[in-house]
Amino acid sequence: MLQLFPSGCHNTHTHWPMRQTAVCHSTCVICEPARRMNFKNVREYLAWLYYQYLLITGIYVLEPWEKSIFNSVFFSAIAMVIYTSYVFVPIHVRLALEFFSGIFGGQNESTVALMN
C-alpha cells in the first residue's frame, strides 16, 4: 500500500502540499516510480526512441528490406565517422597546437635545447 506522506526512507525531499522537507518511506508515492525503473519501462522507452528515429528519418514508409539496407548504410557511415574522429582528430589537434604556439610566441625546439 502506498502512503502519501510516510517517513523513514533514504531520500529527503519536499512533499507537496506539506511544503516541508520530509524523509520518505519505501512505499512513498513520490519515490516509488523512481525505484520502479524495471525492464518493461526500459523496453518501452527504447521502443519509443526507435519510433522517433523512424519518424525523424522518414523510413517508416519503407518496406522492411529497404529499412534494413538504409539502416546498414546509415550506421556504417556513423561508425566510420566515429572511427575517423578517434584516429585523426588527435593528430590534427596536435598539429594545430604546434602551429598556433609558433604564431603566438611559443618557444621553438632550438631555444629550449639551448636553455637546458
C-alpha atoms as a PDB file:
ATOM      1  CA  MET A   1       0.000   0.000   0.000  1.00  0.00           C
ATOM      2  CA  LEU A   2       1.334   3.405  -0.955  1.00  0.00           C
ATOM      3  CA  GLN A   3       1.389   6.083   1.693  1.00  0.00           C
ATOM      4  CA  LEU A   4       1.126   9.719   0.752  1.00  0.00           C
ATOM      5  CA  PHE A   5       3.294  11.249   3.484  1.00  0.00           C
ATOM      6  CA  PRO A   6       5.309   8.494   5.164  1.00  0.00           C
ATOM      7  CA  SER A   7       8.585   8.888   6.984  1.00  0.00           C
ATOM      8  CA  GLY A   8      11.726   6.792   7.238  1.00  0.00           C
ATOM      9  CA  CYS A   9      13.260   6.441   3.713  1.00  0.00           C
ATOM     10  CA  HIS A  10      16.650   7.217   2.131  1.00  0.00           C
ATOM     11  CA  ASN A  11      15.551  10.238   0.089  1.00  0.00           C
ATOM     12  CA  THR A  12      14.942  13.605   1.662  1.00  0.00           C
ATOM     13  CA  HIS A  13      12.671  15.887  -0.337  1.00  0.00           C
ATOM     14  CA  THR A  14       9.651  18.147  -0.038  1.00  0.00           C
ATOM     15  CA  HIS A  15       6.239  16.525  -0.117  1.00  0.00           C
ATOM     16  CA  TRP A  16       3.565  18.647  -1.695  1.00  0.00           C
ATOM     17  CA  PRO A  17       1.192  20.034  -0.148  1.00  0.00           C
ATOM     18  CA  MET A  18       3.081  19.925   3.162  1.00  0.00           C
ATOM     19  CA  ARG A  19       5.834  22.221   1.801  1.00  0.00           C
ATOM     20  CA  GLN A  20       8.348  20.888   4.255  1.00  0.00           C
ATOM     21  CA  THR A  21      11.267  18.547   3.964  1.00  0.00           C
ATOM     22  CA  ALA A  22      10.324  15.037   4.881  1.00  0.00           C
ATOM     23  CA  VAL A  23      12.104  11.745   4.640  1.00  0.00           C
ATOM     24  CA  CYS A  24      10.086   9.318   2.586  1.00  0.00           C
ATOM     25  CA  HIS A  25       9.394   5.661   3.033  1.00  0.00           C
ATOM     26  CA  SER A  26       9.922   2.871   0.532  1.00  0.00           C
ATOM     27  CA  THR A  27       6.213   2.978  -0.317  1.00  0.00           C
ATOM     28  CA  CYS A  28       6.081   6.738  -0.862  1.00  0.00           C
ATOM     29  CA  VAL A  29       4.059   7.909  -3.870  1.00  0.00           C
ATOM     30  CA  ILE A  30       6.830  10.319  -4.860  1.00  0.00           C
ATOM     31  CA  CYS A  31       9.768   7.898  -4.653  1.00  0.00           C
ATOM     32  CA  GLU A  32       8.104   4.700  -5.860  1.00  0.00           C
ATOM     33  CA  PRO A  33       8.186   5.483  -9.625  1.00  0.00           C
ATOM     34  CA  ALA A  34      11.911   6.208  -9.449  1.00  0.00           C
ATOM     35  CA  ARG A  35      12.522   2.856  -7.782  1.00  0.00           C
ATOM     36  CA  ARG A  36      10.316   1.013 -10.239  1.00  0.00           C
ATOM     37  CA  MET A  37      12.544   1.505 -13.300  1.00  0.00           C
ATOM     38  CA  ASN A  38      12.084  -2.060 -14.404  1.00  0.00           C
ATOM     39  CA  PHE A  39      12.802  -3.810 -17.679  1.00  0.00           C
ATOM     40  CA  LYS A  40       9.355  -3.108 -19.119  1.00  0.00           C
ATOM     41  CA  ASN A  41       9.808   0.654 -18.805  1.00  0.00           C
ATOM     42  CA  VAL A  42      13.266   0.494 -20.369  1.00  0.00           C
ATOM     43  CA  ARG A  43      11.932  -1.614 -23.223  1.00  0.00           C
ATOM     44  CA  GLU A  44       9.056   0.808 -23.788  1.00  0.00           C
ATOM     45  CA  TYR A  45      11.462   3.762 -23.737  1.00  0.00           C
ATOM     46  CA  LEU A  46      13.750   2.104 -26.291  1.00  0.00           C
ATOM     47  CA  ALA A  47      10.733   1.310 -28.472  1.00  0.00           C
ATOM     48  CA  TRP A  48       9.691   4.963 -28.237  1.00  0.00           C
ATOM     49  CA  LEU A  49      13.217   6.083 -29.237  1.00  0.00           C
ATOM     50  CA  TYR A  50      13.161   3.723 -32.224  1.00  0.00           C
ATOM     51  CA  TYR A  51       9.750   5.078 -33.226  1.00  0.00           C
ATOM     52  CA  GLN A  52      11.138   8.623 -33.038  1.00  0.00           C
ATOM     53  CA  TYR A  53      14.080   7.527 -35.208  1.00  0.00           C
ATOM     54  CA  LEU A  54      11.650   6.102 -37.771  1.00  0.00           C
ATOM     55  CA  LEU A  55       9.638   9.311 -37.832  1.00  0.00           C
ATOM     56  CA  ILE A  56      12.578  11.699 -37.974  1.00  0.00           C
ATOM     57  CA  THR A  57      14.388   9.861 -40.769  1.00  0.00           C
ATOM     58  CA  GLY A  58      11.172   9.121 -42.643  1.00  0.00           C
ATOM     59  CA  ILE A  59      11.956   5.440 -43.073  1.00  0.00           C
ATOM     60  CA  TYR A  60       8.661   4.340 -41.588  1.00  0.00           C
ATOM     61  CA  VAL A  61       7.268   4.410 -45.144  1.00  0.00           C
ATOM     62  CA  LEU A  62       9.880   1.971 -46.466  1.00  0.00           C
ATOM     63  CA  GLU A  63       9.489  -1.760 -46.824  1.00  0.00           C
ATOM     64  CA  PRO A  64      11.392  -3.961 -44.357  1.00  0.00           C
ATOM     65  CA  TRP A  65      14.192  -4.835 -46.794  1.00  0.00           C
ATOM     66  CA  GLU A  66      14.613  -1.152 -47.652  1.00  0.00           C
ATOM     67  CA  LYS A  67      14.750  -0.279 -43.956  1.00  0.00           C
ATOM     68  CA  SER A  68      17.498  -2.826 -43.358  1.00  0.00           C
ATOM     69  CA  ILE A  69      19.576  -1.504 -46.262  1.00  0.00           C
ATOM     70  CA  PHE A  70      19.070   2.106 -45.133  1.00  0.00           C
ATOM     71  CA  ASN A  71      19.958   1.254 -41.524  1.00  0.00           C
ATOM     72  CA  SER A  72      23.058  -0.677 -42.631  1.00  0.00           C
ATOM     73  CA  VAL A  73      24.342   2.211 -44.729  1.00  0.00           C
ATOM     74  CA  PHE A  74      23.433   4.823 -42.103  1.00  0.00           C
ATOM     75  CA  PHE A  75      25.042   3.031 -39.157  1.00  0.00           C
ATOM     76  CA  SER A  76      28.106   2.113 -41.225  1.00  0.00           C
ATOM     77  CA  ALA A  77      28.571   5.781 -42.071  1.00  0.00           C
ATOM     78  CA  ILE A  78      28.157   6.749 -38.391  1.00  0.00           C
ATOM     79  CA  ALA A  79      30.705   4.081 -37.372  1.00  0.00           C
ATOM     80  CA  MET A  80      33.191   5.351 -39.957  1.00  0.00           C
ATOM     81  CA  VAL A  81      32.801   8.946 -38.754  1.00  0.00           C
ATOM     82  CA  ILE A  82      33.360   7.879 -35.140  1.00  0.00           C
ATOM     83  CA  TYR A  83      36.405   5.775 -36.054  1.00  0.00           C
ATOM     84  CA  THR A  84      37.895   8.514 -38.220  1.00  0.00           C
ATOM     85  CA  SER A  85      37.375  11.068 -35.455  1.00  0.00           C
ATOM     86  CA  TYR A  86      39.039   8.769 -32.943  1.00  0.00           C
ATOM     87  CA  VAL A  87      42.074   8.193 -35.183  1.00  0.00           C
ATOM     88  CA  PHE A  88      42.651  11.533 -36.901  1.00  0.00           C
ATOM     89  CA  VAL A  89      41.313  14.293 -34.634  1.00  0.00           C
ATOM     90  CA  PRO A  90      44.107  13.979 -32.038  1.00  0.00           C
ATOM     91  CA  ILE A  91      46.726  14.301 -34.796  1.00  0.00           C
ATOM     92  CA  HIS A  92      45.102  17.433 -36.189  1.00  0.00           C
ATOM     93  CA  VAL A  93      44.697  18.949 -32.726  1.00  0.00           C
ATOM     94  CA  ARG A  94      48.398  18.381 -32.011  1.00  0.00           C
ATOM     95  CA  LEU A  95      49.379  19.951 -35.344  1.00  0.00           C
ATOM     96  CA  ALA A  96      47.081  22.927 -34.746  1.00  0.00           C
ATOM     97  CA  LEU A  97      48.540  23.462 -31.264  1.00  0.00           C
ATOM     98  CA  GLU A  98      52.066  23.370 -32.680  1.00  0.00           C
ATOM     99  CA  PHE A  99      51.084  25.824 -35.418  1.00  0.00           C
ATOM    100  CA  PHE A 100      49.383  28.314 -33.098  1.00  0.00           C
ATOM    101  CA  SER A 101      52.083  28.082 -30.437  1.00  0.00           C
ATOM    102  CA  GLY A 102      54.610  29.056 -33.121  1.00  0.00           C
ATOM    103  CA  ILE A 103      52.487  32.008 -34.220  1.00  0.00           C
ATOM    104  CA  PHE A 104      51.726  33.336 -30.738  1.00  0.00           C
ATOM    105  CA  GLY A 105      55.283  33.326 -29.444  1.00  0.00           C
ATOM    106  CA  GLY A 106      55.882  29.816 -28.239  1.00  0.00           C
ATOM    107  CA  GLN A 107      59.496  28.760 -27.952  1.00  0.00           C
ATOM    108  CA  ASN A 108      60.822  26.621 -30.758  1.00  0.00           C
ATOM    109  CA  GLU A 109      62.863  23.494 -30.104  1.00  0.00           C
ATOM    110  CA  SER A 110      66.310  25.065 -30.627  1.00  0.00           C
ATOM    111  CA  THR A 111      65.642  27.670 -27.927  1.00  0.00           C
ATOM    112  CA  VAL A 112      64.509  25.013 -25.483  1.00  0.00           C
ATOM    113  CA  ALA A 113      67.621  22.941 -26.244  1.00  0.00           C
ATOM    114  CA  LEU A 114      69.903  25.922 -25.565  1.00  0.00           C
ATOM    115  CA  MET A 115      68.263  26.650 -22.221  1.00  0.00           C
ATOM    116  CA  ASN A 116      68.884  23.121 -20.932  1.00  0.00           C
END
